[in-house]
Amino acid sequence: MSLLVDRYAPSPTSDLHLGNLRTALAGWLLTRSAGGRWLMRVEDLDTARVAAAGDAAPRQLADLKSLGMEWDGEPLWQSERLPAYAAAVAALGERTYPCFCTRREIAEASSAPHDGHRAYPGTCAGLGSEQVARLGRHRAAALRVRSEGVSFSVTDVHAGDVTEPVDDFVLLRADGAPAYNLAVVVDDMFQGVTRVTRGVDLKSSAPRQAWLTTMLGGIAPEYAHIGLVTNAQGSRLAKRDGAVTLADLSAVGLSQSDVLAMLSGSLGLGQCRTADEALAAMPAGSLPDDNFWAPATWDGEELVIQ
């Protein structure tokens, strides 16, 4: 049996909140309970938002360590991986094409978004060289991958098979920056990731990323999607919901052990006050029950399984 390799990949655009920490703990527990390696990746390609957040990256890493979630090896920084993304684009060759559409044009031409993703209708897929040259004099082009309408399936360890159509998604943004769907695939391949644990809001994008993995000659990982944390109104938890970061919770008198107890309790593991206690509470030789995968609600005082 091959070694399980998972990763946690926060974007350092703000401090981690309870929802981020819950997903991180779930991935750490699933990986460590299987004897696997848990890697760290800093997804810092959104340079404007990263700069605006100041030193969010070291704060995020420090928060994870303070809760006992140690990772293997050194963190991988996406900002240091630009040549790898360029090489992947080059390897795709004629399977890519320039796209001059604005977001508004795509919204007007395509169907309603599915799970936050608006499928590209293929407007620029058939442009000839003269049209590309003419449009390029007025607009910068994004670069899309040509999927040819394929559907692709992945395995989610809890939800089972997930099958979705793959549209012609963006690889490079119009400013030349690597898009998320490209960078995450290239880096998962580089780090030897065999399972991706993350929030359930990204489940529908898994087939798209797995398909690209195969196009680049890799083996698609399996996935483990965890329910999100919402506020009392049912919206996805955010910093505006009050004391939701580790620093905020500390300021109102909650220790790291208190936070661990809340997180582990919201995963159905009981009030464990250290990461190692939560690891000991994981079932041996099987996946956790449905509570582990369920969403949770933060009511301002505690996390409650939905």
Protein backbone atom coordinates (compact mmCIF):
# COMPACT_ATOMS: atom_id res chain seq x y z
CA MET A 1 0.00 0.00 0.00
CA SER A 2 1.41 3.40 -1.01
CA LEU A 3 2.07 6.10 1.55
CA LEU A 4 -0.73 8.62 1.97
CA VAL A 5 0.43 12.17 1.23
CA ASP A 6 -1.90 15.10 1.90
CA ARG A 7 -1.34 18.84 2.11
CA TYR A 8 -2.85 21.92 3.65
CA ALA A 9 -2.68 24.98 1.39
CA PRO A 10 -3.88 28.24 2.93
CA SER A 11 -3.87 31.54 1.06
CA PRO A 12 -2.16 34.16 3.24
CA THR A 13 -4.73 36.88 2.61
CA SER A 14 -6.01 36.94 6.22
CA ASP A 15 -5.60 35.07 9.50
CA LEU A 16 -7.06 31.56 9.67
CA HIS A 17 -10.54 31.41 11.22
CA LEU A 18 -12.38 28.52 12.86
CA GLY A 19 -13.56 27.13 9.54
CA ASN A 20 -10.02 27.07 8.12
CA LEU A 21 -8.65 25.55 11.33
CA ARG A 22 -11.36 22.87 11.39
CA THR A 23 -10.54 21.78 7.83
CA ALA A 24 -6.82 21.78 8.64
CA LEU A 25 -7.38 19.64 11.72
CA ALA A 26 -9.55 17.21 9.77
CA GLY A 27 -6.85 16.77 7.13
CA TRP A 28 -4.12 16.42 9.73
CA LEU A 29 -6.11 13.77 11.62
CA LEU A 30 -7.02 11.77 8.51
CA THR A 31 -3.40 11.79 7.37
CA ARG A 32 -1.71 11.07 10.69
CA SER A 33 -4.20 8.33 11.60
CA ALA A 34 -3.24 6.57 8.36
CA GLY A 35 0.49 7.01 9.00
CA GLY A 36 0.84 9.45 6.12
CA ARG A 37 2.76 12.64 5.43
CA TRP A 38 1.04 16.02 5.90
CA LEU A 39 2.62 18.77 3.82
CA MET A 40 2.27 22.54 3.90
CA ARG A 41 1.86 24.83 0.90
CA VAL A 42 1.48 28.61 0.98
CA GLU A 43 -0.71 29.71 -1.94
CA ASP A 44 0.56 33.27 -2.23
CA LEU A 45 -0.01 34.02 -5.92
CA ASP A 46 -2.64 36.73 -5.31
CA THR A 47 0.10 39.26 -4.69
CA ALA A 48 -2.13 42.29 -4.11
CA ARG A 49 -4.25 40.63 -1.42
CA VAL A 50 -1.22 38.94 0.14
CA ALA A 51 0.57 42.28 0.40
CA ALA A 52 -2.52 43.92 1.90
CA ALA A 53 -2.65 41.20 4.59
CA GLY A 54 0.87 41.97 5.82
CA ASP A 55 2.49 39.05 7.63
CA ALA A 56 -0.51 36.72 7.39
CA ALA A 57 1.55 33.73 6.20
CA PRO A 58 3.81 33.44 9.27
CA ARG A 59 0.79 34.04 11.51
CA GLN A 60 -1.10 31.22 9.80
CA LEU A 61 1.82 28.82 10.19
CA ALA A 62 2.33 29.83 13.81
CA ASP A 63 -1.38 29.25 14.57
CA LEU A 64 -1.27 25.74 13.13
CA LYS A 65 1.86 24.87 15.11
CA SER A 66 0.40 26.29 18.32
CA LEU A 67 -2.53 23.89 17.95
CA GLY A 68 -0.19 20.92 17.50
CA MET A 69 -0.59 20.49 13.75
CA GLU A 70 3.03 19.95 12.71
CA TRP A 71 3.75 19.30 9.04
CA ASP A 72 6.44 17.31 7.26
CA GLY A 73 9.30 19.10 5.53
CA GLU A 74 9.44 22.76 4.62
CA PRO A 75 6.43 24.74 3.34
CA LEU A 76 6.19 25.13 -0.43
CA TRP A 77 5.64 28.74 -1.55
CA GLN A 78 3.77 29.14 -4.82
CA SER A 79 5.43 32.48 -5.53
CA GLU A 80 8.70 30.55 -5.97
CA ARG A 81 7.17 28.14 -8.48
CA LEU A 82 6.45 30.36 -11.48
CA PRO A 83 8.82 28.49 -13.86
CA ALA A 84 7.02 25.22 -13.07
CA TYR A 85 3.65 26.70 -14.04
CA ALA A 86 5.10 28.09 -17.27
CA ALA A 87 6.53 24.66 -18.10
CA ALA A 88 3.14 23.02 -17.54
CA VAL A 89 1.46 25.48 -19.89
CA ALA A 90 4.11 24.83 -22.51
CA ALA A 91 3.58 21.08 -22.16
CA LEU A 92 -0.11 21.47 -22.97
CA GLY A 93 0.83 23.05 -26.32
CA GLU A 94 -2.06 23.31 -28.76
CA ARG A 95 -4.54 22.29 -26.09
CA THR A 96 -4.56 25.92 -24.95
CA TYR A 97 -5.97 29.06 -26.55
CA PRO A 98 -6.19 32.79 -25.77
CA CYS A 99 -9.45 34.19 -24.43
CA PHE A 100 -10.36 37.88 -24.60
CA CYS A 101 -13.73 37.66 -22.85
CA THR A 102 -14.46 39.86 -19.85
CA ARG A 103 -16.23 38.45 -16.79
CA ARG A 104 -19.35 40.37 -17.77
CA GLU A 105 -19.34 38.90 -21.27
CA ILE A 106 -18.95 35.40 -19.87
CA ALA A 107 -21.77 35.96 -17.39
CA GLU A 108 -24.08 37.17 -20.16
CA ALA A 109 -23.20 34.30 -22.49
CA SER A 110 -23.09 31.35 -20.09
CA SER A 111 -25.55 29.48 -17.92
CA ALA A 112 -26.07 30.06 -14.21
CA PRO A 113 -23.01 29.29 -12.07
CA HIS A 114 -22.68 25.83 -10.55
CA ASP A 115 -21.26 25.84 -7.02
CA GLY A 116 -19.76 29.27 -7.66
CA HIS A 117 -18.18 28.34 -11.01
CA ARG A 118 -19.61 29.74 -14.24
CA ALA A 119 -18.79 27.36 -17.08
CA TYR A 120 -17.08 29.03 -20.00
CA PRO A 121 -19.29 28.87 -23.13
CA GLY A 122 -16.36 28.55 -25.57
CA THR A 123 -16.66 32.00 -27.14
CA CYS A 124 -12.97 32.30 -28.07
CA ALA A 125 -12.29 28.62 -28.71
CA GLY A 126 -12.51 28.92 -32.48
CA LEU A 127 -10.74 32.22 -33.07
CA GLY A 128 -8.34 32.30 -36.01
CA SER A 129 -4.88 33.86 -35.91
CA GLU A 130 -6.07 37.10 -37.54
CA GLN A 131 -8.88 37.49 -35.01
CA VAL A 132 -6.48 36.81 -32.15
CA ALA A 133 -4.07 39.44 -33.47
CA ARG A 134 -6.86 42.02 -33.91
CA LEU A 135 -8.34 41.47 -30.45
CA GLY A 136 -4.89 41.38 -28.90
CA ARG A 137 -4.31 44.98 -29.95
CA HIS A 138 -7.10 46.10 -27.61
CA ARG A 139 -7.24 43.56 -24.79
CA ALA A 140 -4.90 41.34 -22.83
CA ALA A 141 -5.79 37.66 -23.19
CA ALA A 142 -6.22 34.99 -20.57
CA LEU A 143 -5.14 31.48 -21.54
CA ARG A 144 -7.66 28.61 -21.40
CA VAL A 145 -7.30 24.87 -21.73
CA ARG A 146 -9.34 23.11 -24.41
CA SER A 147 -11.34 20.35 -22.70
CA GLU A 148 -13.53 19.37 -25.69
CA GLY A 149 -16.57 18.89 -23.46
CA VAL A 150 -15.24 15.94 -21.46
CA SER A 151 -16.67 14.82 -18.13
CA PHE A 152 -14.36 13.42 -15.49
CA SER A 153 -14.79 11.40 -12.29
CA VAL A 154 -12.85 11.44 -9.04
CA THR A 155 -13.11 9.46 -5.82
CA ASP A 156 -14.14 11.21 -2.63
CA VAL A 157 -13.34 8.95 0.33
CA HIS A 158 -16.63 9.86 2.05
CA ALA A 159 -19.00 10.95 -0.73
CA GLY A 160 -17.98 8.33 -3.30
CA ASP A 161 -17.61 9.05 -7.01
CA VAL A 162 -17.94 12.68 -8.11
CA THR A 163 -18.46 13.32 -11.81
CA GLU A 164 -18.61 16.79 -13.37
CA PRO A 165 -18.23 18.28 -16.86
CA VAL A 166 -14.93 20.00 -17.51
CA ASP A 167 -15.19 23.37 -19.22
CA ASP A 168 -12.41 25.34 -20.88
CA PHE A 169 -11.11 26.84 -17.64
CA VAL A 170 -8.43 29.50 -17.23
CA LEU A 171 -4.78 28.50 -16.84
CA LEU A 172 -3.21 31.97 -16.94
CA ARG A 173 -5.09 35.14 -16.08
CA ALA A 174 -4.99 38.14 -18.40
CA ASP A 175 -2.23 39.68 -16.27
CA GLY A 176 -0.13 36.56 -16.83
CA ALA A 177 -0.52 35.19 -13.30
CA PRO A 178 -1.10 31.43 -12.95
CA ALA A 179 -4.72 30.62 -12.13
CA TYR A 180 -5.64 28.50 -9.12
CA ASN A 181 -6.66 25.44 -11.15
CA LEU A 182 -3.25 25.32 -12.84
CA ALA A 183 -1.08 26.04 -9.82
CA VAL A 184 -2.80 23.59 -7.50
CA VAL A 185 -2.45 20.75 -10.00
CA VAL A 186 1.20 21.43 -10.79
CA ASP A 187 2.06 21.66 -7.10
CA ASP A 188 0.11 18.56 -6.07
CA MET A 189 2.00 16.60 -8.72
CA PHE A 190 5.33 18.05 -7.59
CA GLN A 191 4.67 17.26 -3.93
CA GLY A 192 3.46 13.72 -4.67
CA VAL A 193 0.03 14.36 -3.16
CA THR A 194 -2.21 11.28 -3.14
CA ARG A 195 -5.16 12.76 -1.24
CA VAL A 196 -6.52 16.29 -1.06
CA THR A 197 -8.50 17.22 2.06
CA ARG A 198 -10.34 20.53 1.83
CA GLY A 199 -13.74 22.22 2.18
CA VAL A 200 -16.79 20.78 0.48
CA ASP A 201 -17.24 24.03 -1.46
CA LEU A 202 -14.39 22.86 -3.71
CA LYS A 203 -15.81 19.41 -4.41
CA SER A 204 -17.25 20.28 -7.82
CA SER A 205 -13.84 21.57 -8.97
CA ALA A 206 -12.09 18.28 -8.18
CA PRO A 207 -12.90 16.60 -11.55
CA ARG A 208 -11.60 19.67 -13.39
CA GLN A 209 -8.30 19.56 -11.53
CA ALA A 210 -7.99 15.78 -11.71
CA TRP A 211 -8.55 15.88 -15.48
CA LEU A 212 -5.78 18.46 -15.87
CA THR A 213 -3.51 16.23 -13.78
CA THR A 214 -3.96 13.42 -16.30
CA MET A 215 -3.39 15.82 -19.21
CA LEU A 216 -0.03 16.69 -17.64
CA GLY A 217 0.88 13.02 -17.25
CA GLY A 218 0.12 12.68 -13.56
CA ILE A 219 -2.11 10.40 -11.49
CA ALA A 220 -5.15 12.14 -10.05
CA PRO A 221 -5.36 12.09 -6.23
CA GLU A 222 -8.37 11.02 -4.24
CA TYR A 223 -10.27 13.64 -2.27
CA ALA A 224 -11.76 14.17 1.17
CA HIS A 225 -14.19 17.09 1.35
CA ILE A 226 -15.14 18.46 4.76
CA GLY A 227 -18.31 20.37 5.64
CA LEU A 228 -17.92 24.13 6.07
CA VAL A 229 -18.40 26.22 9.17
CA THR A 230 -21.22 28.75 8.86
CA ASN A 231 -22.40 31.60 11.05
CA ALA A 232 -25.73 31.66 12.87
CA GLN A 233 -27.42 33.00 9.73
CA GLY A 234 -26.21 30.07 7.63
CA SER A 235 -23.59 32.00 5.65
CA ARG A 236 -20.03 30.80 5.32
CA LEU A 237 -17.96 31.91 8.30
CA ALA A 238 -15.81 35.01 7.79
CA LYS A 239 -13.71 37.36 9.88
CA ARG A 240 -16.61 39.82 10.02
CA ASP A 241 -18.47 37.30 12.20
CA GLY A 242 -16.54 38.44 15.28
CA ALA A 243 -14.04 36.48 17.35
CA VAL A 244 -13.28 33.69 14.90
CA THR A 245 -9.47 33.74 14.59
CA LEU A 246 -7.10 32.24 17.14
CA ALA A 247 -5.90 35.71 18.16
CA ASP A 248 -9.47 36.97 18.57
CA LEU A 249 -10.46 33.95 20.64
CA SER A 250 -7.38 34.35 22.82
CA ALA A 251 -8.34 37.97 23.45
CA VAL A 252 -11.69 36.87 24.88
CA GLY A 253 -10.04 34.33 27.17
CA LEU A 254 -10.00 31.09 25.17
CA SER A 255 -6.76 29.09 25.19
CA GLN A 256 -5.40 26.92 22.37
CA SER A 257 -6.69 23.91 24.33
CA ASP A 258 -10.17 25.45 24.45
CA VAL A 259 -10.10 25.97 20.70
CA LEU A 260 -8.88 22.40 20.10
CA ALA A 261 -11.75 21.13 22.24
CA MET A 262 -14.25 23.07 20.12
CA LEU A 263 -12.72 21.92 16.86
CA SER A 264 -12.50 18.25 17.82
CA GLY A 265 -16.00 18.33 19.28
CA SER A 266 -17.34 19.74 16.02
CA LEU A 267 -15.78 16.77 14.21
CA GLY A 268 -17.58 14.29 16.47
CA LEU A 269 -14.44 13.27 18.35
CA GLY A 270 -15.30 14.64 21.78
CA GLN A 271 -13.71 17.52 23.70
CA CYS A 272 -10.04 16.76 23.02
CA ARG A 273 -7.72 19.41 24.36
CA THR A 274 -4.67 18.59 22.23
CA ALA A 275 -4.17 17.49 18.65
CA ASP A 276 -2.68 14.23 19.87
CA GLU A 277 -5.78 13.53 22.00
CA ALA A 278 -7.94 14.11 18.93
CA LEU A 279 -5.69 11.76 16.96
CA ALA A 280 -6.16 9.09 19.63
CA ALA A 281 -9.93 9.52 19.31
CA MET A 282 -9.89 8.72 15.59
CA PRO A 283 -11.32 5.27 14.72
CA ALA A 284 -8.70 2.64 14.00
CA GLY A 285 -8.68 1.16 10.52
CA SER A 286 -11.76 3.01 9.23
CA LEU A 287 -13.02 6.44 8.31
CA PRO A 288 -14.73 8.60 10.95
CA ASP A 289 -18.53 8.70 11.11
CA ASP A 290 -20.78 11.25 9.41
CA ASN A 291 -20.28 13.89 12.12
CA PHE A 292 -16.67 14.29 11.02
CA TRP A 293 -17.75 15.28 7.51
CA ALA A 294 -20.78 17.37 8.44
CA PRO A 295 -20.93 21.18 8.40
CA ALA A 296 -20.86 23.06 11.68
CA THR A 297 -22.28 26.36 12.93
CA TRP A 298 -20.46 28.98 14.99
CA ASP A 299 -23.02 30.75 17.18
CA GLY A 300 -20.52 33.15 18.72
CA GLU A 301 -19.73 30.88 21.65
CA GLU A 302 -19.35 27.31 20.37
CA LEU A 303 -19.19 25.14 17.28
CA VAL A 304 -22.24 22.94 16.77
CA ILE A 305 -22.47 20.06 14.27
CA GLN A 306 -25.32 20.64 11.82
